[in-house]
Amino acid sequence: MKPESLLPLPAATFHILLAVTDEDRHGYAIIRDIETRTAGALRLSAGTLYRSIQRMVEQELIVETEERPDPEFDDERRRYYRITPFGRKVARAETLRFASLVDQARALGLMPGRS
């Protein structure tokens, strides 16, 4: 499957991919990372998060990992997720799509602070 075949990504999917790009994260940590990264503009409900995660695992964008953090900082009920190489390709393709849209908006003088 080509990464571009999944574009455009739902906003939740793109943000979840960003949240697990630099480290494995459990569901609550993903929700918090997205809230922080978007300054509270995007808040995923647990239902949206776990439906998205289920679909993303089926699409092989992320995997549930068996690796666990130090038991002192872990809760055994948590499930941790990691981006796959295919998930990285899809995130990159979506980022390039966004960059192209920004370039088009810039060419039309639609970028804030620019005329």
PDB file of N, CA and C in Angstrom:
ATOM      1  N   MET A   1       0.844  -1.171   0.000  1.00  0.00           N
ATOM      2  CA  MET A   1       0.000   0.000   0.000  1.00  0.00           C
ATOM      3  C   MET A   1       0.893   1.238   0.000  1.00  0.00           C
ATOM      4  N   LYS A   2       0.550   2.220  -0.819  1.00  0.00           N
ATOM      5  CA  LYS A   2       1.306   3.466  -0.854  1.00  0.00           C
ATOM      6  C   LYS A   2       0.839   4.383   0.274  1.00  0.00           C
ATOM      7  N   PRO A   3       1.775   5.096   0.920  1.00  0.00           N
ATOM      8  CA  PRO A   3       1.383   6.002   2.011  1.00  0.00           C
ATOM      9  C   PRO A   3       0.332   7.007   1.569  1.00  0.00           C
ATOM     10  N   GLU A   4       0.438   7.500   0.355  1.00  0.00           N
ATOM     11  CA  GLU A   4      -0.491   8.528  -0.131  1.00  0.00           C
ATOM     12  C   GLU A   4      -1.921   8.008  -0.248  1.00  0.00           C
ATOM     13  N   SER A   5      -2.086   6.693  -0.298  1.00  0.00           N
ATOM     14  CA  SER A   5      -3.433   6.129  -0.431  1.00  0.00           C
ATOM     15  C   SER A   5      -4.289   6.384   0.815  1.00  0.00           C
ATOM     16  N   LEU A   6      -3.660   6.722   1.941  1.00  0.00           N
ATOM     17  CA  LEU A   6      -4.410   6.978   3.179  1.00  0.00           C
ATOM     18  C   LEU A   6      -4.700   8.462   3.402  1.00  0.00           C
ATOM     19  N   LEU A   7      -4.211   9.318   2.499  1.00  0.00           N
ATOM     20  CA  LEU A   7      -4.375  10.768   2.665  1.00  0.00           C
ATOM     21  C   LEU A   7      -5.675  11.259   2.062  1.00  0.00           C
ATOM     22  N   PRO A   8      -6.226  12.318   2.596  1.00  0.00           N
ATOM     23  CA  PRO A   8      -5.802  13.034   3.790  1.00  0.00           C
ATOM     24  C   PRO A   8      -6.166  12.245   5.045  1.00  0.00           C
ATOM     25  N   LEU A   9      -5.315  12.363   6.046  1.00  0.00           N
ATOM     26  CA  LEU A   9      -5.558  11.671   7.314  1.00  0.00           C
ATOM     27  C   LEU A   9      -6.573  12.436   8.148  1.00  0.00           C
ATOM     28  N   PRO A  10      -7.391  11.724   8.915  1.00  0.00           N
ATOM     29  CA  PRO A  10      -8.201  12.412   9.929  1.00  0.00           C
ATOM     30  C   PRO A  10      -7.260  13.127  10.910  1.00  0.00           C
ATOM     31  N   ALA A  11      -7.691  14.260  11.437  1.00  0.00           N
ATOM     32  CA  ALA A  11      -6.835  15.036  12.348  1.00  0.00           C
ATOM     33  C   ALA A  11      -6.356  14.188  13.519  1.00  0.00           C
ATOM     34  N   ALA A  12      -7.238  13.383  14.083  1.00  0.00           N
ATOM     35  CA  ALA A  12      -6.841  12.554  15.231  1.00  0.00           C
ATOM     36  C   ALA A  12      -5.724  11.599  14.843  1.00  0.00           C
ATOM     37  N   THR A  13      -5.813  11.007  13.671  1.00  0.00           N
ATOM     38  CA  THR A  13      -4.788  10.057  13.224  1.00  0.00           C
ATOM     39  C   THR A  13      -3.433  10.744  13.093  1.00  0.00           C
ATOM     40  N   PHE A  14      -3.407  11.908  12.458  1.00  0.00           N
ATOM     41  CA  PHE A  14      -2.134  12.615  12.286  1.00  0.00           C
ATOM     42  C   PHE A  14      -1.532  12.978  13.640  1.00  0.00           C
ATOM     43  N   HIS A  15      -2.347  13.479  14.536  1.00  0.00           N
ATOM     44  CA  HIS A  15      -1.822  13.873  15.850  1.00  0.00           C
ATOM     45  C   HIS A  15      -1.365  12.664  16.666  1.00  0.00           C
ATOM     46  N   ILE A  16      -2.040  11.552  16.543  1.00  0.00           N
ATOM     47  CA  ILE A  16      -1.586  10.342  17.255  1.00  0.00           C
ATOM     48  C   ILE A  16      -0.242   9.891  16.688  1.00  0.00           C
ATOM     49  N   LEU A  17      -0.083   9.955  15.369  1.00  0.00           N
ATOM     50  CA  LEU A  17       1.213   9.593  14.781  1.00  0.00           C
ATOM     51  C   LEU A  17       2.314  10.507  15.316  1.00  0.00           C
ATOM     52  N   LEU A  18       2.032  11.813  15.405  1.00  0.00           N
ATOM     53  CA  LEU A  18       3.033  12.735  15.950  1.00  0.00           C
ATOM     54  C   LEU A  18       3.362  12.379  17.401  1.00  0.00           C
ATOM     55  N   ALA A  19       2.342  12.013  18.162  1.00  0.00           N
ATOM     56  CA  ALA A  19       2.539  11.735  19.594  1.00  0.00           C
ATOM     57  C   ALA A  19       3.425  10.517  19.835  1.00  0.00           C
ATOM     58  N   VAL A  20       3.407   9.554  18.928  1.00  0.00           N
ATOM     59  CA  VAL A  20       4.211   8.339  19.138  1.00  0.00           C
ATOM     60  C   VAL A  20       5.453   8.295  18.252  1.00  0.00           C
ATOM     61  N   THR A  21       5.769   9.414  17.607  1.00  0.00           N
ATOM     62  CA  THR A  21       6.948   9.445  16.735  1.00  0.00           C
ATOM     63  C   THR A  21       8.253   9.425  17.530  1.00  0.00           C
ATOM     64  N   ASP A  22       8.321  10.182  18.606  1.00  0.00           N
ATOM     65  CA  ASP A  22       9.591  10.268  19.326  1.00  0.00           C
ATOM     66  C   ASP A  22       9.717   9.302  20.496  1.00  0.00           C
ATOM     67  N   GLU A  23       8.604   8.717  20.933  1.00  0.00           N
ATOM     68  CA  GLU A  23       8.674   7.720  22.007  1.00  0.00           C
ATOM     69  C   GLU A  23       7.375   6.918  22.069  1.00  0.00           C
ATOM     70  N   ASP A  24       7.478   5.728  22.646  1.00  0.00           N
ATOM     71  CA  ASP A  24       6.283   4.916  22.863  1.00  0.00           C
ATOM     72  C   ASP A  24       5.428   5.614  23.909  1.00  0.00           C
ATOM     73  N   ARG A  25       4.117   5.596  23.689  1.00  0.00           N
ATOM     74  CA  ARG A  25       3.222   6.239  24.654  1.00  0.00           C
ATOM     75  C   ARG A  25       1.974   5.387  24.866  1.00  0.00           C
ATOM     76  N   HIS A  26       1.412   5.478  26.064  1.00  0.00           N
ATOM     77  CA  HIS A  26       0.124   4.851  26.362  1.00  0.00           C
ATOM     78  C   HIS A  26      -0.975   5.853  26.057  1.00  0.00           C
ATOM     79  N   GLY A  27      -2.231   5.399  26.095  1.00  0.00           N
ATOM     80  CA  GLY A  27      -3.348   6.226  25.666  1.00  0.00           C
ATOM     81  C   GLY A  27      -3.442   7.576  26.353  1.00  0.00           C
ATOM     82  N   TYR A  28      -3.377   7.595  27.664  1.00  0.00           N
ATOM     83  CA  TYR A  28      -3.508   8.869  28.373  1.00  0.00           C
ATOM     84  C   TYR A  28      -2.355   9.814  28.018  1.00  0.00           C
ATOM     85  N   ALA A  29      -1.155   9.269  27.865  1.00  0.00           N
ATOM     86  CA  ALA A  29       0.001  10.103  27.490  1.00  0.00           C
ATOM     87  C   ALA A  29      -0.186  10.660  26.079  1.00  0.00           C
ATOM     88  N   ILE A  30      -0.812   9.892  25.193  1.00  0.00           N
ATOM     89  CA  ILE A  30      -1.094  10.389  23.843  1.00  0.00           C
ATOM     90  C   ILE A  30      -2.068  11.561  23.928  1.00  0.00           C
ATOM     91  N   ILE A  31      -3.128  11.396  24.710  1.00  0.00           N
ATOM     92  CA  ILE A  31      -4.117  12.476  24.857  1.00  0.00           C
ATOM     93  C   ILE A  31      -3.441  13.741  25.399  1.00  0.00           C
ATOM     94  N   ARG A  32      -2.624  13.584  26.407  1.00  0.00           N
ATOM     95  CA  ARG A  32      -1.940  14.750  27.007  1.00  0.00           C
ATOM     96  C   ARG A  32      -0.960  15.392  26.026  1.00  0.00           C
ATOM     97  N   ASP A  33      -0.221  14.565  25.286  1.00  0.00           N
ATOM     98  CA  ASP A  33       0.740  15.109  24.311  1.00  0.00           C
ATOM     99  C   ASP A  33       0.014  15.945  23.257  1.00  0.00           C
ATOM    100  N   ILE A  34      -1.110  15.448  22.782  1.00  0.00           N
ATOM    101  CA  ILE A  34      -1.872  16.174  21.752  1.00  0.00           C
ATOM    102  C   ILE A  34      -2.404  17.486  22.322  1.00  0.00           C
ATOM    103  N   GLU A  35      -2.930  17.450  23.537  1.00  0.00           N
ATOM    104  CA  GLU A  35      -3.424  18.686  24.151  1.00  0.00           C
ATOM    105  C   GLU A  35      -2.307  19.710  24.301  1.00  0.00           C
ATOM    106  N   THR A  36      -1.136  19.241  24.730  1.00  0.00           N
ATOM    107  CA  THR A  36       0.003  20.149  24.902  1.00  0.00           C
ATOM    108  C   THR A  36       0.474  20.685  23.567  1.00  0.00           C
ATOM    109  N   ARG A  37       0.623  19.766  22.590  1.00  0.00           N
ATOM    110  CA  ARG A  37       1.138  20.163  21.276  1.00  0.00           C
ATOM    111  C   ARG A  37       0.216  21.161  20.577  1.00  0.00           C
ATOM    112  N   THR A  38      -1.095  21.051  20.816  1.00  0.00           N
ATOM    113  CA  THR A  38      -2.045  21.941  20.150  1.00  0.00           C
ATOM    114  C   THR A  38      -2.523  23.067  21.066  1.00  0.00           C
ATOM    115  N   ALA A  39      -1.871  23.240  22.203  1.00  0.00           N
ATOM    116  CA  ALA A  39      -2.251  24.268  23.183  1.00  0.00           C
ATOM    117  C   ALA A  39      -3.735  24.157  23.534  1.00  0.00           C
ATOM    118  N   GLY A  40      -4.220  22.934  23.650  1.00  0.00           N
ATOM    119  CA  GLY A  40      -5.601  22.690  24.053  1.00  0.00           C
ATOM    120  C   GLY A  40      -6.627  22.799  22.947  1.00  0.00           C
ATOM    121  N   ALA A  41      -6.200  23.093  21.732  1.00  0.00           N
ATOM    122  CA  ALA A  41      -7.144  23.243  20.619  1.00  0.00           C
ATOM    123  C   ALA A  41      -7.765  21.902  20.223  1.00  0.00           C
ATOM    124  N   LEU A  42      -7.039  20.811  20.438  1.00  0.00           N
ATOM    125  CA  LEU A  42      -7.573  19.481  20.116  1.00  0.00           C
ATOM    126  C   LEU A  42      -7.518  18.626  21.362  1.00  0.00           C
ATOM    127  N   ARG A  43      -8.681  18.176  21.791  1.00  0.00           N
ATOM    128  CA  ARG A  43      -8.788  17.287  22.953  1.00  0.00           C
ATOM    129  C   ARG A  43      -9.544  16.046  22.528  1.00  0.00           C
ATOM    130  N   LEU A  44      -8.847  14.923  22.501  1.00  0.00           N
ATOM    131  CA  LEU A  44      -9.474  13.669  22.093  1.00  0.00           C
ATOM    132  C   LEU A  44     -10.163  13.025  23.279  1.00  0.00           C
ATOM    133  N   SER A  45     -11.370  12.541  23.041  1.00  0.00           N
ATOM    134  CA  SER A  45     -12.030  11.736  24.068  1.00  0.00           C
ATOM    135  C   SER A  45     -11.396  10.350  24.046  1.00  0.00           C
ATOM    136  N   ALA A  46     -11.580   9.620  25.128  1.00  0.00           N
ATOM    137  CA  ALA A  46     -11.039   8.260  25.179  1.00  0.00           C
ATOM    138  C   ALA A  46     -11.651   7.405  24.065  1.00  0.00           C
ATOM    139  N   GLY A  47     -12.941   7.605  23.783  1.00  0.00           N
ATOM    140  CA  GLY A  47     -13.590   6.836  22.724  1.00  0.00           C
ATOM    141  C   GLY A  47     -12.971   7.094  21.365  1.00  0.00           C
ATOM    142  N   THR A  48     -12.757   8.375  21.041  1.00  0.00           N
ATOM    143  CA  THR A  48     -12.132   8.726  19.759  1.00  0.00           C
ATOM    144  C   THR A  48     -10.717   8.175  19.694  1.00  0.00           C
ATOM    145  N   LEU A  49      -9.979   8.314  20.793  1.00  0.00           N
ATOM    146  CA  LEU A  49      -8.593   7.827  20.812  1.00  0.00           C
ATOM    147  C   LEU A  49      -8.545   6.335  20.532  1.00  0.00           C
ATOM    148  N   TYR A  50      -9.317   5.551  21.254  1.00  0.00           N
ATOM    149  CA  TYR A  50      -9.182   4.100  21.121  1.00  0.00           C
ATOM    150  C   TYR A  50      -9.791   3.567  19.826  1.00  0.00           C
ATOM    151  N   ARG A  51     -10.821   4.232  19.294  1.00  0.00           N
ATOM    152  CA  ARG A  51     -11.302   3.842  17.950  1.00  0.00           C
ATOM    153  C   ARG A  51     -10.225   4.148  16.911  1.00  0.00           C
ATOM    154  N   SER A  52      -9.579   5.301  17.048  1.00  0.00           N
ATOM    155  CA  SER A  52      -8.509   5.666  16.112  1.00  0.00           C
ATOM    156  C   SER A  52      -7.345   4.686  16.228  1.00  0.00           C
ATOM    157  N   ILE A  53      -6.957   4.377  17.448  1.00  0.00           N
ATOM    158  CA  ILE A  53      -5.841   3.448  17.653  1.00  0.00           C
ATOM    159  C   ILE A  53      -6.162   2.089  17.039  1.00  0.00           C
ATOM    160  N   GLN A  54      -7.379   1.593  17.241  1.00  0.00           N
ATOM    161  CA  GLN A  54      -7.747   0.289  16.682  1.00  0.00           C
ATOM    162  C   GLN A  54      -7.612   0.306  15.156  1.00  0.00           C
ATOM    163  N   ARG A  55      -8.122   1.382  14.532  1.00  0.00           N
ATOM    164  CA  ARG A  55      -8.028   1.491  13.069  1.00  0.00           C
ATOM    165  C   ARG A  55      -6.571   1.610  12.626  1.00  0.00           C
ATOM    166  N   MET A  56      -5.780   2.392  13.362  1.00  0.00           N
ATOM    167  CA  MET A  56      -4.380   2.600  12.998  1.00  0.00           C
ATOM    168  C   MET A  56      -3.557   1.316  13.139  1.00  0.00           C
ATOM    169  N   VAL A  57      -3.881   0.482  14.106  1.00  0.00           N
ATOM    170  CA  VAL A  57      -3.202  -0.814  14.237  1.00  0.00           C
ATOM    171  C   VAL A  57      -3.578  -1.687  13.038  1.00  0.00           C
ATOM    172  N   GLU A  58      -4.847  -1.689  12.659  1.00  0.00           N
ATOM    173  CA  GLU A  58      -5.286  -2.476  11.497  1.00  0.00           C
ATOM    174  C   GLU A  58      -4.618  -2.001  10.212  1.00  0.00           C
ATOM    175  N   GLN A  59      -4.371  -0.687  10.101  1.00  0.00           N
ATOM    176  CA  GLN A  59      -3.717  -0.119   8.914  1.00  0.00           C
ATOM    177  C   GLN A  59      -2.188  -0.219   8.997  1.00  0.00           C
ATOM    178  N   GLU A  60      -1.684  -0.783  10.097  1.00  0.00           N
ATOM    179  CA  GLU A  60      -0.249  -0.961  10.329  1.00  0.00           C
ATOM    180  C   GLU A  60       0.506   0.365  10.416  1.00  0.00           C
ATOM    181  N   LEU A  61      -0.166   1.390  10.938  1.00  0.00           N
ATOM    182  CA  LEU A  61       0.482   2.686  11.165  1.00  0.00           C
ATOM    183  C   LEU A  61       1.200   2.702  12.511  1.00  0.00           C
ATOM    184  N   ILE A  62       0.643   1.995  13.482  1.00  0.00           N
ATOM    185  CA  ILE A  62       1.232   1.870  14.813  1.00  0.00           C
ATOM    186  C   ILE A  62       1.097   0.420  15.256  1.00  0.00           C
ATOM    187  N   VAL A  63       1.890   0.062  16.249  1.00  0.00           N
ATOM    188  CA  VAL A  63       1.792  -1.273  16.847  1.00  0.00           C
ATOM    189  C   VAL A  63       1.758  -1.118  18.365  1.00  0.00           C
ATOM    190  N   GLU A  64       1.153  -2.089  19.000  1.00  0.00           N
ATOM    191  CA  GLU A  64       1.237  -2.143  20.453  1.00  0.00           C
ATOM    192  C   GLU A  64       2.558  -2.808  20.775  1.00  0.00           C
ATOM    193  N   THR A  65       3.338  -2.200  21.636  1.00  0.00           N
ATOM    194  CA  THR A  65       4.659  -2.732  21.943  1.00  0.00           C
ATOM    195  C   THR A  65       4.644  -3.507  23.253  1.00  0.00           C
ATOM    196  N   GLU A  66       5.507  -4.483  23.329  1.00  0.00           N
ATOM    197  CA  GLU A  66       5.632  -5.302  24.545  1.00  0.00           C
ATOM    198  C   GLU A  66       6.616  -4.672  25.529  1.00  0.00           C
ATOM    199  N   GLU A  67       7.415  -3.719  25.051  1.00  0.00           N
ATOM    200  CA  GLU A  67       8.411  -3.095  25.928  1.00  0.00           C
ATOM    201  C   GLU A  67       7.699  -2.250  26.982  1.00  0.00           C
ATOM    202  N   ARG A  68       8.188  -2.306  28.192  1.00  0.00           N
ATOM    203  CA  ARG A  68       7.585  -1.604  29.314  1.00  0.00           C
ATOM    204  C   ARG A  68       8.604  -0.674  29.950  1.00  0.00           C
ATOM    205  N   PRO A  69       8.141   0.452  30.480  1.00  0.00           N
ATOM    206  CA  PRO A  69       9.069   1.321  31.212  1.00  0.00           C
ATOM    207  C   PRO A  69       9.439   0.695  32.559  1.00  0.00           C
ATOM    208  N   ASP A  70      10.299   1.362  33.262  1.00  0.00           N
ATOM    209  CA  ASP A  70      10.692   0.934  34.601  1.00  0.00           C
ATOM    210  C   ASP A  70       9.423   0.658  35.412  1.00  0.00           C
ATOM    211  N   PRO A  71       9.327  -0.512  36.076  1.00  0.00           N
ATOM    212  CA  PRO A  71       8.109  -0.833  36.838  1.00  0.00           C
ATOM    213  C   PRO A  71       7.715   0.234  37.850  1.00  0.00           C
ATOM    214  N   GLU A  72       8.688   0.988  38.316  1.00  0.00           N
ATOM    215  CA  GLU A  72       8.390   2.056  39.275  1.00  0.00           C
ATOM    216  C   GLU A  72       7.489   3.120  38.658  1.00  0.00           C
ATOM    217  N   PHE A  73       7.603   3.296  37.324  1.00  0.00           N
ATOM    218  CA  PHE A  73       6.835   4.334  36.633  1.00  0.00           C
ATOM    219  C   PHE A  73       5.725   3.750  35.762  1.00  0.00           C
ATOM    220  N   ASP A  74       5.466   2.463  35.886  1.00  0.00           N
ATOM    221  CA  ASP A  74       4.526   1.791  34.994  1.00  0.00           C
ATOM    222  C   ASP A  74       3.254   1.393  35.739  1.00  0.00           C
ATOM    223  N   ASP A  75       2.204   1.263  34.961  1.00  0.00           N
ATOM    224  CA  ASP A  75       0.949   0.693  35.433  1.00  0.00           C
ATOM    225  C   ASP A  75       0.680  -0.465  34.472  1.00  0.00           C
ATOM    226  N   GLU A  76       0.630  -1.666  34.975  1.00  0.00           N
ATOM    227  CA  GLU A  76       0.527  -2.840  34.101  1.00  0.00           C
ATOM    228  C   GLU A  76      -0.745  -2.863  33.267  1.00  0.00           C
ATOM    229  N   ARG A  77      -1.733  -2.032  33.579  1.00  0.00           N
ATOM    230  CA  ARG A  77      -2.960  -1.978  32.776  1.00  0.00           C
ATOM    231  C   ARG A  77      -2.770  -1.187  31.489  1.00  0.00           C
ATOM    232  N   ARG A  78      -1.716  -0.395  31.416  1.00  0.00           N
ATOM    233  CA  ARG A  78      -1.480   0.448  30.246  1.00  0.00           C
ATOM    234  C   ARG A  78      -0.996  -0.356  29.049  1.00  0.00           C
ATOM    235  N   ARG A  79      -1.400   0.118  27.884  1.00  0.00           N
ATOM    236  CA  ARG A  79      -0.890  -0.427  26.631  1.00  0.00           C
ATOM    237  C   ARG A  79      -0.093   0.675  25.958  1.00  0.00           C
ATOM    238  N   TYR A  80       1.080   0.315  25.460  1.00  0.00           N
ATOM    239  CA  TYR A  80       1.968   1.298  24.837  1.00  0.00           C
ATOM    240  C   TYR A  80       1.972   1.094  23.326  1.00  0.00           C
ATOM    241  N   TYR A  81       2.052   2.220  22.609  1.00  0.00           N
ATOM    242  CA  TYR A  81       2.004   2.183  21.142  1.00  0.00           C
ATOM    243  C   TYR A  81       3.234   2.845  20.560  1.00  0.00           C
ATOM    244  N   ARG A  82       3.629   2.328  19.392  1.00  0.00           N
ATOM    245  CA  ARG A  82       4.830   2.805  18.689  1.00  0.00           C
ATOM    246  C   ARG A  82       4.488   2.964  17.208  1.00  0.00           C
ATOM    247  N   ILE A  83       5.046   3.996  16.598  1.00  0.00           N
ATOM    248  CA  ILE A  83       4.854   4.201  15.171  1.00  0.00           C
ATOM    249  C   ILE A  83       5.644   3.133  14.404  1.00  0.00           C
ATOM    250  N   THR A  84       5.102   2.677  13.296  1.00  0.00           N
ATOM    251  CA  THR A  84       5.782   1.705  12.439  1.00  0.00           C
ATOM    252  C   THR A  84       6.534   2.452  11.335  1.00  0.00           C
ATOM    253  N   PRO A  85       7.435   1.775  10.615  1.00  0.00           N
ATOM    254  CA  PRO A  85       8.071   2.428   9.455  1.00  0.00           C
ATOM    255  C   PRO A  85       7.026   2.910   8.440  1.00  0.00           C
ATOM    256  N   PHE A  86       5.971   2.131   8.216  1.00  0.00           N
ATOM    257  CA  PHE A  86       4.917   2.581   7.305  1.00  0.00           C
ATOM    258  C   PHE A  86       4.199   3.805   7.874  1.00  0.00           C
ATOM    259  N   GLY A  87       3.965   3.821   9.172  1.00  0.00           N
ATOM    260  CA  GLY A  87       3.337   4.985   9.814  1.00  0.00           C
ATOM    261  C   GLY A  87       4.180   6.238   9.633  1.00  0.00           C
ATOM    262  N   ARG A  88       5.505   6.103   9.717  1.00  0.00           N
ATOM    263  CA  ARG A  88       6.394   7.258   9.480  1.00  0.00           C
ATOM    264  C   ARG A  88       6.251   7.758   8.044  1.00  0.00           C
ATOM    265  N   LYS A  89       6.178   6.836   7.104  1.00  0.00           N
ATOM    266  CA  LYS A  89       6.023   7.236   5.702  1.00  0.00           C
ATOM    267  C   LYS A  89       4.698   7.971   5.487  1.00  0.00           C
ATOM    268  N   VAL A  90       3.645   7.492   6.122  1.00  0.00           N
ATOM    269  CA  VAL A  90       2.329   8.136   5.986  1.00  0.00           C
ATOM    270  C   VAL A  90       2.354   9.527   6.645  1.00  0.00           C
ATOM    271  N   ALA A  91       2.967   9.632   7.831  1.00  0.00           N
ATOM    272  CA  ALA A  91       3.061  10.936   8.501  1.00  0.00           C
ATOM    273  C   ALA A  91       3.865  11.913   7.651  1.00  0.00           C
ATOM    274  N   ARG A  92       4.937  11.414   7.053  1.00  0.00           N
ATOM    275  CA  ARG A  92       5.759  12.282   6.193  1.00  0.00           C
ATOM    276  C   ARG A  92       4.958  12.727   4.957  1.00  0.00           C
ATOM    277  N   ALA A  93       4.233  11.808   4.351  1.00  0.00           N
ATOM    278  CA  ALA A  93       3.427  12.158   3.169  1.00  0.00           C
ATOM    279  C   ALA A  93       2.371  13.199   3.536  1.00  0.00           C
ATOM    280  N   GLU A  94       1.751  13.048   4.710  1.00  0.00           N
ATOM    281  CA  GLU A  94       0.748  14.027   5.136  1.00  0.00           C
ATOM    282  C   GLU A  94       1.399  15.384   5.403  1.00  0.00           C
ATOM    283  N   THR A  95       2.573  15.379   6.005  1.00  0.00           N
ATOM    284  CA  THR A  95       3.290  16.631   6.262  1.00  0.00           C
ATOM    285  C   THR A  95       3.624  17.336   4.946  1.00  0.00           C
ATOM    286  N   LEU A  96       4.066  16.585   3.957  1.00  0.00           N
ATOM    287  CA  LEU A  96       4.364  17.175   2.646  1.00  0.00           C
ATOM    288  C   LEU A  96       3.098  17.733   1.995  1.00  0.00           C
ATOM    289  N   ARG A  97       1.979  17.033   2.196  1.00  0.00           N
ATOM    290  CA  ARG A  97       0.704  17.540   1.656  1.00  0.00           C
ATOM    291  C   ARG A  97       0.356  18.875   2.314  1.00  0.00           C
ATOM    292  N   PHE A  98       0.521  18.954   3.651  1.00  0.00           N
ATOM    293  CA  PHE A  98       0.259  20.219   4.357  1.00  0.00           C
ATOM    294  C   PHE A  98       1.199  21.320   3.861  1.00  0.00           C
ATOM    295  N   ALA A  99       2.471  20.986   3.678  1.00  0.00           N
ATOM    296  CA  ALA A  99       3.449  21.982   3.218  1.00  0.00           C
ATOM    297  C   ALA A  99       3.053  22.530   1.853  1.00  0.00           C
ATOM    298  N   SER A 100       2.556  21.661   1.001  1.00  0.00           N
ATOM    299  CA  SER A 100       2.114  22.108  -0.326  1.00  0.00           C
ATOM    300  C   SER A 100       0.930  23.073  -0.192  1.00  0.00           C
ATOM    301  N   LEU A 101       0.015  22.760   0.708  1.00  0.00           N
ATOM    302  CA  LEU A 101      -1.131  23.659   0.929  1.00  0.00           C
ATOM    303  C   LEU A 101      -0.672  25.009   1.473  1.00  0.00           C
ATOM    304  N   VAL A 102       0.295  24.992   2.385  1.00  0.00           N
ATOM    305  CA  VAL A 102       0.812  26.252   2.938  1.00  0.00           C
ATOM    306  C   VAL A 102       1.484  27.066   1.826  1.00  0.00           C
ATOM    307  N   ASP A 103       2.253  26.396   0.972  1.00  0.00           N
ATOM    308  CA  ASP A 103       2.894  27.100  -0.149  1.00  0.00           C
ATOM    309  C   ASP A 103       1.851  27.762  -1.051  1.00  0.00           C
ATOM    310  N   GLN A 104       0.755  27.046  -1.310  1.00  0.00           N
ATOM    311  CA  GLN A 104      -0.303  27.603  -2.154  1.00  0.00           C
ATOM    312  C   GLN A 104      -0.962  28.811  -1.476  1.00  0.00           C
ATOM    313  N   ALA A 105      -1.205  28.707  -0.173  1.00  0.00           N
ATOM    314  CA  ALA A 105      -1.809  29.822   0.564  1.00  0.00           C
ATOM    315  C   ALA A 105      -0.866  31.022   0.597  1.00  0.00           C
ATOM    316  N   ARG A 106       0.435  30.743   0.777  1.00  0.00           N
ATOM    317  CA  ARG A 106       1.437  31.816   0.806  1.00  0.00           C
ATOM    318  C   ARG A 106       1.456  32.537  -0.548  1.00  0.00           C
ATOM    319  N   ALA A 107       1.392  31.789  -1.630  1.00  0.00           N
ATOM    320  CA  ALA A 107       1.421  32.382  -2.966  1.00  0.00           C
ATOM    321  C   ALA A 107       0.218  33.295  -3.196  1.00  0.00           C
ATOM    322  N   LEU A 108      -0.865  33.020  -2.506  1.00  0.00           N
ATOM    323  CA  LEU A 108      -2.079  33.836  -2.649  1.00  0.00           C
ATOM    324  C   LEU A 108      -2.157  34.947  -1.610  1.00  0.00           C
ATOM    325  N   GLY A 109      -1.097  35.101  -0.798  1.00  0.00           N
ATOM    326  CA  GLY A 109      -1.063  36.157   0.208  1.00  0.00           C
ATOM    327  C   GLY A 109      -1.964  35.879   1.392  1.00  0.00           C
ATOM    328  N   LEU A 110      -2.237  34.631   1.659  1.00  0.00           N
ATOM    329  CA  LEU A 110      -3.141  34.280   2.751  1.00  0.00           C
ATOM    330  C   LEU A 110      -2.425  33.953   4.064  1.00  0.00           C
ATOM    331  N   MET A 111      -1.099  34.043   4.090  1.00  0.00           N
ATOM    332  CA  MET A 111      -0.366  33.741   5.326  1.00  0.00           C
ATOM    333  C   MET A 111      -0.499  34.922   6.275  1.00  0.00           C
ATOM    334  N   PRO A 112      -0.860  34.675   7.536  1.00  0.00           N
ATOM    335  CA  PRO A 112      -0.977  35.772   8.503  1.00  0.00           C
ATOM    336  C   PRO A 112       0.349  36.521   8.639  1.00  0.00           C
ATOM    337  N   GLY A 113       0.233  37.836   8.754  1.00  0.00           N
ATOM    338  CA  GLY A 113       1.421  38.653   8.941  1.00  0.00           C
ATOM    339  C   GLY A 113       2.152  38.972   7.659  1.00  0.00           C
ATOM    340  N   ARG A 114       1.637  38.511   6.565  1.00  0.00           N
ATOM    341  CA  ARG A 114       2.272  38.786   5.276  1.00  0.00           C
ATOM    342  C   ARG A 114       1.237  39.390   4.345  1.00  0.00           C
ATOM    343  N   SER A 115       1.693  40.161   3.431  1.00  0.00           N
ATOM    344  CA  SER A 115       0.742  40.747   2.478  1.00  0.00           C
ATOM    345  C   SER A 115       1.032  40.287   1.075  1.00  0.00           C
TER     346      SER A 115
END
